[in-house]
Amino acid sequence: APEKISPHVLRHAFATHLLEGGTDLRVLQ
């Protein structure tokens, strides 16, 4: 669905999936 997609949603996905994988919060910052 196109309404689910935006540049910021992909940025959120990048951050969420890294955190799920165990990335440290400071590194993510």
PDB file of all heavy atoms in Angstrom:
ATOM      1  N   ALA A   1       0.842  -1.196   0.000  1.00  0.00           N
ATOM      2  CA  ALA A   1       0.000   0.000   0.000  1.00  0.00           C
ATOM      3  C   ALA A   1       0.880   1.250   0.000  1.00  0.00           C
ATOM      4  O   ALA A   1       1.734   1.401   0.880  1.00  0.00           O
ATOM      5  CB  ALA A   1      -0.909   0.001   1.226  1.00  0.00           C
ATOM      6  N   PRO A   2       0.729   2.142  -0.974  1.00  0.00           N
ATOM      7  CA  PRO A   2       1.618   3.298  -1.079  1.00  0.00           C
ATOM      8  C   PRO A   2       1.580   4.226   0.132  1.00  0.00           C
ATOM      9  O   PRO A   2       2.574   4.883   0.440  1.00  0.00           O
ATOM     10  CB  PRO A   2       1.126   4.013  -2.350  1.00  0.00           C
ATOM     11  CG  PRO A   2      -0.256   3.513  -2.576  1.00  0.00           C
ATOM     12  CD  PRO A   2      -0.265   2.108  -2.062  1.00  0.00           C
ATOM     13  N   GLU A   3       0.425   4.245   0.830  1.00  0.00           N
ATOM     14  CA  GLU A   3       0.343   5.129   2.004  1.00  0.00           C
ATOM     15  C   GLU A   3       1.237   4.644   3.150  1.00  0.00           C
ATOM     16  O   GLU A   3       1.490   5.388   4.107  1.00  0.00           O
ATOM     17  CB  GLU A   3      -1.103   5.267   2.482  1.00  0.00           C
ATOM     18  CG  GLU A   3      -1.777   3.973   2.904  1.00  0.00           C
ATOM     19  CD  GLU A   3      -2.490   3.267   1.772  1.00  0.00           C
ATOM     20  OE1 GLU A   3      -2.220   3.590   0.590  1.00  0.00           O
ATOM     21  OE2 GLU A   3      -3.322   2.387   2.068  1.00  0.00           O
ATOM     22  N   LYS A   4       1.722   3.418   3.065  1.00  0.00           N
ATOM     23  CA  LYS A   4       2.597   2.889   4.115  1.00  0.00           C
ATOM     24  C   LYS A   4       4.048   3.301   3.914  1.00  0.00           C
ATOM     25  O   LYS A   4       4.876   3.109   4.804  1.00  0.00           O
ATOM     26  CB  LYS A   4       2.524   1.354   4.148  1.00  0.00           C
ATOM     27  CG  LYS A   4       1.173   0.782   4.516  1.00  0.00           C
ATOM     28  CD  LYS A   4       1.228  -0.727   4.684  1.00  0.00           C
ATOM     29  CE  LYS A   4       2.057  -1.123   5.897  1.00  0.00           C
ATOM     30  NZ  LYS A   4       2.016  -2.587   6.133  1.00  0.00           N
ATOM     31  N   ILE A   5       4.360   3.845   2.742  1.00  0.00           N
ATOM     32  CA  ILE A   5       5.747   4.110   2.373  1.00  0.00           C
ATOM     33  C   ILE A   5       6.052   5.601   2.348  1.00  0.00           C
ATOM     34  O   ILE A   5       5.273   6.393   1.840  1.00  0.00           O
ATOM     35  CB  ILE A   5       6.063   3.529   0.976  1.00  0.00           C
ATOM     36  CG1 ILE A   5       5.779   2.034   0.946  1.00  0.00           C
ATOM     37  CG2 ILE A   5       7.510   3.808   0.585  1.00  0.00           C
ATOM     38  CD1 ILE A   5       6.728   1.201   1.750  1.00  0.00           C
ATOM     39  N   SER A   6       7.187   5.964   2.913  1.00  0.00           N
ATOM     40  CA  SER A   6       7.741   7.311   2.805  1.00  0.00           C
ATOM     41  C   SER A   6       9.216   7.217   3.165  1.00  0.00           C
ATOM     42  O   SER A   6       9.650   6.218   3.755  1.00  0.00           O
ATOM     43  CB  SER A   6       7.016   8.287   3.740  1.00  0.00           C
ATOM     44  OG  SER A   6       7.425   8.072   5.081  1.00  0.00           O
ATOM     45  N   PRO A   7      10.020   8.228   2.840  1.00  0.00           N
ATOM     46  CA  PRO A   7      11.427   8.201   3.252  1.00  0.00           C
ATOM     47  C   PRO A   7      11.586   8.043   4.757  1.00  0.00           C
ATOM     48  O   PRO A   7      12.470   7.317   5.228  1.00  0.00           O
ATOM     49  CB  PRO A   7      11.954   9.551   2.766  1.00  0.00           C
ATOM     50  CG  PRO A   7      11.088   9.896   1.601  1.00  0.00           C
ATOM     51  CD  PRO A   7       9.731   9.389   1.979  1.00  0.00           C
ATOM     52  N   HIS A   8      10.713   8.691   5.518  1.00  0.00           N
ATOM     53  CA  HIS A   8      10.847   8.628   6.973  1.00  0.00           C
ATOM     54  C   HIS A   8      10.456   7.253   7.509  1.00  0.00           C
ATOM     55  O   HIS A   8      11.017   6.787   8.504  1.00  0.00           O
ATOM     56  CB  HIS A   8      10.000   9.723   7.631  1.00  0.00           C
ATOM     57  CG  HIS A   8      10.658  10.306   8.844  1.00  0.00           C
ATOM     58  ND1 HIS A   8      11.890  10.923   8.809  1.00  0.00           N
ATOM     59  CD2 HIS A   8      10.258  10.352  10.145  1.00  0.00           C
ATOM     60  CE1 HIS A   8      12.217  11.322  10.023  1.00  0.00           C
ATOM     61  NE2 HIS A   8      11.254  10.992  10.854  1.00  0.00           N
ATOM     62  N   VAL A   9       9.500   6.598   6.864  1.00  0.00           N
ATOM     63  CA  VAL A   9       9.126   5.240   7.279  1.00  0.00           C
ATOM     64  C   VAL A   9      10.307   4.291   7.075  1.00  0.00           C
ATOM     65  O   VAL A   9      10.572   3.421   7.913  1.00  0.00           O
ATOM     66  CB  VAL A   9       7.888   4.765   6.490  1.00  0.00           C
ATOM     67  CG1 VAL A   9       7.689   3.264   6.665  1.00  0.00           C
ATOM     68  CG2 VAL A   9       6.635   5.502   6.972  1.00  0.00           C
ATOM     69  N   LEU A  10      11.040   4.467   5.977  1.00  0.00           N
ATOM     70  CA  LEU A  10      12.214   3.627   5.741  1.00  0.00           C
ATOM     71  C   LEU A  10      13.315   3.916   6.764  1.00  0.00           C
ATOM     72  O   LEU A  10      14.032   3.013   7.195  1.00  0.00           O
ATOM     73  CB  LEU A  10      12.732   3.836   4.321  1.00  0.00           C
ATOM     74  CG  LEU A  10      11.860   3.208   3.224  1.00  0.00           C
ATOM     75  CD1 LEU A  10      12.252   3.735   1.852  1.00  0.00           C
ATOM     76  CD2 LEU A  10      11.950   1.695   3.260  1.00  0.00           C
ATOM     77  N   ARG A  11      13.445   5.167   7.155  1.00  0.00           N
ATOM     78  CA  ARG A  11      14.406   5.529   8.208  1.00  0.00           C
ATOM     79  C   ARG A  11      14.002   4.868   9.531  1.00  0.00           C
ATOM     80  O   ARG A  11      14.837   4.362  10.277  1.00  0.00           O
ATOM     81  CB  ARG A  11      14.461   7.053   8.341  1.00  0.00           C
ATOM     82  CG  ARG A  11      15.345   7.599   9.469  1.00  0.00           C
ATOM     83  CD  ARG A  11      15.421   9.111   9.319  1.00  0.00           C
ATOM     84  NE  ARG A  11      15.757   9.807  10.549  1.00  0.00           N
ATOM     85  CZ  ARG A  11      17.005  10.046  10.963  1.00  0.00           C
ATOM     86  NH1 ARG A  11      18.022   9.605  10.258  1.00  0.00           N
ATOM     87  NH2 ARG A  11      17.215  10.721  12.086  1.00  0.00           N
ATOM     88  N   HIS A  12      12.695   4.886   9.815  1.00  0.00           N
ATOM     89  CA  HIS A  12      12.200   4.222  11.028  1.00  0.00           C
ATOM     90  C   HIS A  12      12.458   2.723  10.971  1.00  0.00           C
ATOM     91  O   HIS A  12      12.820   2.104  11.977  1.00  0.00           O
ATOM     92  CB  HIS A  12      10.697   4.474  11.202  1.00  0.00           C
ATOM     93  CG  HIS A  12      10.360   5.867  11.624  1.00  0.00           C
ATOM     94  ND1 HIS A  12      11.096   6.567  12.551  1.00  0.00           N
ATOM     95  CD2 HIS A  12       9.340   6.692  11.262  1.00  0.00           C
ATOM     96  CE1 HIS A  12      10.560   7.762  12.725  1.00  0.00           C
ATOM     97  NE2 HIS A  12       9.498   7.856  11.958  1.00  0.00           N
ATOM     98  N   ALA A  13      12.256   2.132   9.786  1.00  0.00           N
ATOM     99  CA  ALA A  13      12.498   0.696   9.640  1.00  0.00           C
ATOM    100  C   ALA A  13      13.970   0.371   9.871  1.00  0.00           C
ATOM    101  O   ALA A  13      14.308  -0.618  10.531  1.00  0.00           O
ATOM    102  CB  ALA A  13      12.060   0.234   8.250  1.00  0.00           C
ATOM    103  N   PHE A  14      14.848   1.203   9.347  1.00  0.00           N
ATOM    104  CA  PHE A  14      16.294   1.049   9.562  1.00  0.00           C
ATOM    105  C   PHE A  14      16.601   1.009  11.061  1.00  0.00           C
ATOM    106  O   PHE A  14      17.293   0.108  11.556  1.00  0.00           O
ATOM    107  CB  PHE A  14      17.010   2.231   8.891  1.00  0.00           C
ATOM    108  CG  PHE A  14      18.419   2.490   9.362  1.00  0.00           C
ATOM    109  CD1 PHE A  14      19.475   1.754   8.855  1.00  0.00           C
ATOM    110  CD2 PHE A  14      18.678   3.494  10.291  1.00  0.00           C
ATOM    111  CE1 PHE A  14      20.787   2.010   9.272  1.00  0.00           C
ATOM    112  CE2 PHE A  14      19.972   3.747  10.715  1.00  0.00           C
ATOM    113  CZ  PHE A  14      21.033   3.004  10.201  1.00  0.00           C
ATOM    114  N   ALA A  15      16.058   1.964  11.810  1.00  0.00           N
ATOM    115  CA  ALA A  15      16.341   2.056  13.239  1.00  0.00           C
ATOM    116  C   ALA A  15      15.704   0.902  14.013  1.00  0.00           C
ATOM    117  O   ALA A  15      16.340   0.288  14.879  1.00  0.00           O
ATOM    118  CB  ALA A  15      15.823   3.395  13.775  1.00  0.00           C
ATOM    119  N   THR A  16      14.450   0.595  13.696  1.00  0.00           N
ATOM    120  CA  THR A  16      13.733  -0.459  14.416  1.00  0.00           C
ATOM    121  C   THR A  16      14.383  -1.813  14.207  1.00  0.00           C
ATOM    122  O   THR A  16      14.582  -2.577  15.159  1.00  0.00           O
ATOM    123  CB  THR A  16      12.261  -0.508  13.950  1.00  0.00           C
ATOM    124  OG1 THR A  16      11.659   0.771  14.138  1.00  0.00           O
ATOM    125  CG2 THR A  16      11.482  -1.542  14.736  1.00  0.00           C
ATOM    126  N   HIS A  17      14.750  -2.122  12.986  1.00  0.00           N
ATOM    127  CA  HIS A  17      15.330  -3.427  12.691  1.00  0.00           C
ATOM    128  C   HIS A  17      16.743  -3.565  13.256  1.00  0.00           C
ATOM    129  O   HIS A  17      17.140  -4.659  13.669  1.00  0.00           O
ATOM    130  CB  HIS A  17      15.311  -3.676  11.183  1.00  0.00           C
ATOM    131  CG  HIS A  17      13.931  -3.749  10.612  1.00  0.00           C
ATOM    132  ND1 HIS A  17      13.653  -3.711   9.261  1.00  0.00           N
ATOM    133  CD2 HIS A  17      12.717  -3.861  11.240  1.00  0.00           C
ATOM    134  CE1 HIS A  17      12.348  -3.794   9.075  1.00  0.00           C
ATOM    135  NE2 HIS A  17      11.759  -3.874  10.271  1.00  0.00           N
ATOM    136  N   LEU A  18      17.489  -2.457  13.318  1.00  0.00           N
ATOM    137  CA  LEU A  18      18.801  -2.503  13.968  1.00  0.00           C
ATOM    138  C   LEU A  18      18.650  -2.774  15.462  1.00  0.00           C
ATOM    139  O   LEU A  18      19.402  -3.560  16.046  1.00  0.00           O
ATOM    140  CB  LEU A  18      19.552  -1.187  13.757  1.00  0.00           C
ATOM    141  CG  LEU A  18      20.328  -1.017  12.449  1.00  0.00           C
ATOM    142  CD1 LEU A  18      20.985   0.353  12.409  1.00  0.00           C
ATOM    143  CD2 LEU A  18      21.376  -2.104  12.283  1.00  0.00           C
ATOM    144  N   LEU A  19      17.676  -2.116  16.080  1.00  0.00           N
ATOM    145  CA  LEU A  19      17.459  -2.297  17.515  1.00  0.00           C
ATOM    146  C   LEU A  19      17.012  -3.728  17.803  1.00  0.00           C
ATOM    147  O   LEU A  19      17.448  -4.342  18.784  1.00  0.00           O
ATOM    148  CB  LEU A  19      16.411  -1.299  18.012  1.00  0.00           C
ATOM    149  CG  LEU A  19      16.313  -1.116  19.531  1.00  0.00           C
ATOM    150  CD1 LEU A  19      17.620  -0.571  20.089  1.00  0.00           C
ATOM    151  CD2 LEU A  19      15.168  -0.183  19.892  1.00  0.00           C
ATOM    152  N   GLU A  20      16.162  -4.270  16.950  1.00  0.00           N
ATOM    153  CA  GLU A  20      15.739  -5.668  17.095  1.00  0.00           C
ATOM    154  C   GLU A  20      16.936  -6.616  17.017  1.00  0.00           C
ATOM    155  O   GLU A  20      16.963  -7.659  17.667  1.00  0.00           O
ATOM    156  CB  GLU A  20      14.734  -6.034  16.001  1.00  0.00           C
ATOM    157  CG  GLU A  20      13.370  -5.387  16.161  1.00  0.00           C
ATOM    158  CD  GLU A  20      12.461  -5.685  14.979  1.00  0.00           C
ATOM    159  OE1 GLU A  20      12.878  -6.431  14.065  1.00  0.00           O
ATOM    160  OE2 GLU A  20      11.338  -5.162  14.969  1.00  0.00           O
ATOM    161  N   GLY A  21      17.918  -6.227  16.221  1.00  0.00           N
ATOM    162  CA  GLY A  21      19.100  -7.061  16.053  1.00  0.00           C
ATOM    163  C   GLY A  21      20.130  -6.908  17.155  1.00  0.00           C
ATOM    164  O   GLY A  21      21.184  -7.536  17.102  1.00  0.00           O
ATOM    165  N   GLY A  22      19.843  -6.045  18.141  1.00  0.00           N
ATOM    166  CA  GLY A  22      20.730  -5.914  19.290  1.00  0.00           C
ATOM    167  C   GLY A  22      21.650  -4.715  19.262  1.00  0.00           C
ATOM    168  O   GLY A  22      22.579  -4.620  20.077  1.00  0.00           O
ATOM    169  N   THR A  23      21.426  -3.767  18.351  1.00  0.00           N
ATOM    170  CA  THR A  23      22.276  -2.580  18.286  1.00  0.00           C
ATOM    171  C   THR A  23      22.130  -1.732  19.545  1.00  0.00           C
ATOM    172  O   THR A  23      21.025  -1.530  20.053  1.00  0.00           O
ATOM    173  CB  THR A  23      21.909  -1.724  17.050  1.00  0.00           C
ATOM    174  OG1 THR A  23      22.091  -2.508  15.885  1.00  0.00           O
ATOM    175  CG2 THR A  23      22.766  -0.473  16.968  1.00  0.00           C
ATOM    176  N   ASP A  24      23.249  -1.229  20.054  1.00  0.00           N
ATOM    177  CA  ASP A  24      23.254  -0.366  21.228  1.00  0.00           C
ATOM    178  C   ASP A  24      22.549   0.956  20.908  1.00  0.00           C
ATOM    179  O   ASP A  24      22.680   1.507  19.816  1.00  0.00           O
ATOM    180  CB  ASP A  24      24.706  -0.094  21.659  1.00  0.00           C
ATOM    181  CG  ASP A  24      24.774   0.801  22.884  1.00  0.00           C
ATOM    182  OD1 ASP A  24      24.639   0.288  23.999  1.00  0.00           O
ATOM    183  OD2 ASP A  24      24.959   2.018  22.697  1.00  0.00           O
ATOM    184  N   LEU A  25      21.797   1.480  21.889  1.00  0.00           N
ATOM    185  CA  LEU A  25      21.021   2.698  21.678  1.00  0.00           C
ATOM    186  C   LEU A  25      21.912   3.894  21.359  1.00  0.00           C
ATOM    187  O   LEU A  25      21.551   4.759  20.552  1.00  0.00           O
ATOM    188  CB  LEU A  25      20.161   2.992  22.917  1.00  0.00           C
ATOM    189  CG  LEU A  25      18.928   3.888  22.687  1.00  0.00           C
ATOM    190  CD1 LEU A  25      17.981   3.256  21.688  1.00  0.00           C
ATOM    191  CD2 LEU A  25      18.218   4.139  24.012  1.00  0.00           C
ATOM    192  N   ARG A  26      23.079   3.967  21.988  1.00  0.00           N
ATOM    193  CA  ARG A  26      24.006   5.073  21.724  1.00  0.00           C
ATOM    194  C   ARG A  26      24.546   5.010  20.298  1.00  0.00           C
ATOM    195  O   ARG A  26      24.740   6.031  19.644  1.00  0.00           O
ATOM    196  CB  ARG A  26      25.166   5.037  22.720  1.00  0.00           C
ATOM    197  CG  ARG A  26      24.798   5.499  24.118  1.00  0.00           C
ATOM    198  CD  ARG A  26      24.534   6.984  24.161  1.00  0.00           C
ATOM    199  NE  ARG A  26      24.226   7.433  25.524  1.00  0.00           N
ATOM    200  CZ  ARG A  26      23.868   8.680  25.829  1.00  0.00           C
ATOM    201  NH1 ARG A  26      23.762   9.580  24.869  1.00  0.00           N
ATOM    202  NH2 ARG A  26      23.595   9.011  27.080  1.00  0.00           N
ATOM    203  N   VAL A  27      24.803   3.804  19.823  1.00  0.00           N
ATOM    204  CA  VAL A  27      25.259   3.640  18.446  1.00  0.00           C
ATOM    205  C   VAL A  27      24.160   4.078  17.489  1.00  0.00           C
ATOM    206  O   VAL A  27      24.412   4.780  16.499  1.00  0.00           O
ATOM    207  CB  VAL A  27      25.648   2.168  18.178  1.00  0.00           C
ATOM    208  CG1 VAL A  27      25.944   1.951  16.697  1.00  0.00           C
ATOM    209  CG2 VAL A  27      26.852   1.774  19.018  1.00  0.00           C
ATOM    210  N   LEU A  28      22.925   3.687  17.795  1.00  0.00           N
ATOM    211  CA  LEU A  28      21.791   4.063  16.959  1.00  0.00           C
ATOM    212  C   LEU A  28      21.615   5.584  16.943  1.00  0.00           C
ATOM    213  O   LEU A  28      21.326   6.170  15.891  1.00  0.00           O
ATOM    214  CB  LEU A  28      20.519   3.385  17.473  1.00  0.00           C
ATOM    215  CG  LEU A  28      19.276   3.499  16.582  1.00  0.00           C
ATOM    216  CD1 LEU A  28      19.546   2.928  15.201  1.00  0.00           C
ATOM    217  CD2 LEU A  28      18.094   2.780  17.235  1.00  0.00           C
ATOM    218  N   GLN A  29      21.818   6.228  18.072  1.00  0.00           N
ATOM    219  CA  GLN A  29      21.726   7.686  18.146  1.00  0.00           C
ATOM    220  C   GLN A  29      22.722   8.328  17.186  1.00  0.00           C
ATOM    221  O   GLN A  29      22.399   9.280  16.464  1.00  0.00           O
ATOM    222  CB  GLN A  29      22.009   8.157  19.577  1.00  0.00           C
ATOM    223  CG  GLN A  29      21.995   9.682  19.723  1.00  0.00           C
ATOM    224  CD  GLN A  29      22.510  10.141  21.086  1.00  0.00           C
ATOM    225  OE1 GLN A  29      22.973   9.327  21.898  1.00  0.00           O
ATOM    226  NE2 GLN A  29      22.440  11.442  21.353  1.00  0.00           N
TER     227      GLN A  29
END
